[in-house]
Amino acid sequence: MNHKQFNLEYIGKTYIEPWMENVECVGGVKLYWKKLWLNIKAFWGSAINGWNTWCPFDSKWKRVEYKPWLYPPQWAILFWSEKRCKFGHTAYSNKFCNANVLRYTDLNWTGHRDPFTARFTWYSNLLGWYCLIK
């Protein structure tokens, strides 16, 4: 499965990890990577913990802190701060991000069991991203 196929299959659908009780953004990112290339572990309790602790990312991943002149490549795992919500937020990036527009797909954006949704917005409260090193 590739990025486009994943979005075609999952946008508009919700997903709950088998051991969870609710739709969570972290579960959406994990499912995305599982279907595309590799399994990633939990972010130790919340999206913001994934950013703060580097867990579950290893030497296969590069951490990029957001700067106004940088923008993520397709497939990057994006992280927003606690200013976005109490536990942060995570999503994966789509094509055509640029300095003015951030394009991504996420799960549970509002915290009300939102399905996978393709979005575009500005970079407000974005901490940065992890991208797989090729």
Protein backbone atom coordinates (compact mmCIF):
# COMPACT_ATOMS: atom_id res chain seq x y z
CA MET A 1 0.00 0.00 0.00
CA ASN A 2 1.26 3.50 -0.71
CA HIS A 3 0.37 6.97 0.63
CA LYS A 4 -2.34 7.64 -1.97
CA GLN A 5 -3.92 4.21 -1.53
CA PHE A 6 -3.99 4.62 2.25
CA ASN A 7 -5.73 7.98 2.00
CA LEU A 8 -8.26 6.63 -0.51
CA GLU A 9 -9.07 3.69 1.76
CA TYR A 10 -9.11 5.43 5.15
CA ILE A 11 -10.19 9.08 4.75
CA GLY A 12 -13.67 9.35 6.23
CA LYS A 13 -13.21 6.29 8.45
CA THR A 14 -12.39 6.13 12.13
CA TYR A 15 -9.93 3.71 13.66
CA ILE A 16 -9.53 2.51 17.24
CA GLU A 17 -6.51 0.47 18.21
CA PRO A 18 -7.59 -2.90 19.66
CA TRP A 19 -6.46 -2.08 23.23
CA MET A 20 -7.79 1.50 23.23
CA GLU A 21 -11.25 2.71 24.16
CA ASN A 22 -11.40 5.70 21.83
CA VAL A 23 -10.20 7.17 18.54
CA GLU A 24 -6.72 8.66 19.05
CA CYS A 25 -4.42 10.60 16.70
CA VAL A 26 -1.47 8.41 17.69
CA GLY A 27 -3.37 5.31 16.56
CA GLY A 28 -3.95 6.90 13.18
CA VAL A 29 -0.26 7.60 12.62
CA LYS A 30 0.70 4.11 13.76
CA LEU A 31 -1.85 2.52 11.39
CA TYR A 32 -0.55 4.64 8.51
CA TRP A 33 3.02 3.49 9.00
CA LYS A 34 2.00 -0.12 9.60
CA LYS A 35 0.13 -0.22 6.29
CA LEU A 36 2.94 1.49 4.38
CA TRP A 37 6.29 0.29 5.70
CA LEU A 38 6.90 -0.49 9.31
CA ASN A 39 5.38 -0.81 12.73
CA ILE A 40 6.05 1.98 15.17
CA LYS A 41 5.43 1.60 18.87
CA ALA A 42 3.26 3.75 21.10
CA PHE A 43 4.32 7.30 21.93
CA TRP A 44 4.24 6.49 25.65
CA GLY A 45 0.87 7.91 26.54
CA SER A 46 0.34 10.86 24.24
CA ALA A 47 1.40 12.60 21.05
CA ILE A 48 3.42 15.22 22.92
CA ASN A 49 5.38 12.46 24.67
CA GLY A 50 6.39 11.10 21.27
CA TRP A 51 7.96 14.44 20.49
CA ASN A 52 9.47 15.12 23.91
CA THR A 53 10.97 11.68 24.52
CA TRP A 54 11.88 10.66 20.94
CA CYS A 55 10.06 7.41 21.70
CA PRO A 56 9.48 5.27 19.61
CA PHE A 57 11.86 6.79 17.07
CA ASP A 58 15.31 5.32 16.55
CA SER A 59 18.27 5.93 14.25
CA LYS A 60 16.06 5.33 11.17
CA TRP A 61 14.35 8.65 11.87
CA LYS A 62 15.46 12.26 11.65
CA ARG A 63 13.92 14.81 14.01
CA VAL A 64 13.35 18.25 12.45
CA GLU A 65 12.30 21.18 14.61
CA TYR A 66 9.98 23.55 12.81
CA LYS A 67 11.51 26.71 11.37
CA PRO A 68 9.62 29.12 9.08
CA TRP A 69 11.87 28.25 6.13
CA LEU A 70 11.46 24.47 6.51
CA TYR A 71 8.50 22.32 5.54
CA PRO A 72 7.91 18.60 5.86
CA PRO A 73 8.19 16.04 3.07
CA GLN A 74 5.34 13.66 2.33
CA TRP A 75 5.13 10.87 4.94
CA ALA A 76 6.62 12.86 7.81
CA ILE A 77 5.08 12.42 11.26
CA LEU A 78 4.01 15.87 12.43
CA PHE A 79 3.74 17.00 16.05
CA TRP A 80 1.84 19.92 17.56
CA SER A 81 2.44 21.36 21.03
CA GLU A 82 0.18 21.31 24.07
CA LYS A 83 -1.10 24.68 22.87
CA ARG A 84 -2.96 22.72 20.19
CA CYS A 85 -4.53 20.48 22.85
CA LYS A 86 -3.60 19.14 26.28
CA PHE A 87 -1.86 16.04 24.93
CA GLY A 88 -0.44 17.54 21.73
CA HIS A 89 -1.43 16.17 18.34
CA THR A 90 0.17 14.08 15.62
CA ALA A 91 -0.57 13.45 11.95
CA TYR A 92 1.26 12.53 8.75
CA SER A 93 2.12 15.01 6.02
CA ASN A 94 0.79 14.99 2.47
CA LYS A 95 2.35 16.27 -0.75
CA PHE A 96 2.80 19.91 -1.59
CA CYS A 97 3.59 21.39 1.81
CA ASN A 98 5.28 24.73 1.40
CA ALA A 99 6.31 27.65 3.57
CA ASN A 100 2.72 28.94 3.76
CA VAL A 101 0.57 25.80 3.75
CA LEU A 102 0.85 22.63 5.80
CA ARG A 103 -0.99 19.69 4.21
CA TYR A 104 -1.62 16.59 6.29
CA THR A 105 -4.03 13.81 7.21
CA ASP A 106 -5.01 13.17 10.78
CA LEU A 107 -7.39 11.30 13.03
CA ASN A 108 -9.34 12.84 15.92
CA TRP A 109 -8.44 16.51 15.26
CA THR A 110 -11.13 17.94 17.57
CA GLY A 111 -11.05 15.14 20.12
CA HIS A 112 -14.57 14.03 19.22
CA ARG A 113 -13.82 10.75 17.40
CA ASP A 114 -13.10 12.53 14.11
CA PRO A 115 -12.36 10.21 11.16
CA PHE A 116 -9.22 10.39 9.05
CA THR A 117 -9.38 13.78 7.35
CA ALA A 118 -7.08 15.46 4.83
CA ARG A 119 -6.47 19.04 5.93
CA PHE A 120 -4.44 22.10 5.10
CA THR A 121 -3.62 24.92 7.46
CA TRP A 122 -0.78 27.16 8.59
CA TYR A 123 2.03 26.06 10.92
CA SER A 124 0.58 27.43 14.18
CA ASN A 125 1.83 25.45 17.22
CA LEU A 126 3.68 22.89 15.07
CA LEU A 127 6.76 21.67 16.92
CA GLY A 128 8.26 19.76 14.04
CA TRP A 129 8.34 16.31 12.49
CA TYR A 130 10.14 13.03 12.24
CA CYS A 131 10.99 11.72 8.79
CA LEU A 132 12.38 8.36 7.83
CA ILE A 133 16.00 8.51 6.71
CA LYS A 134 16.37 6.88 3.30
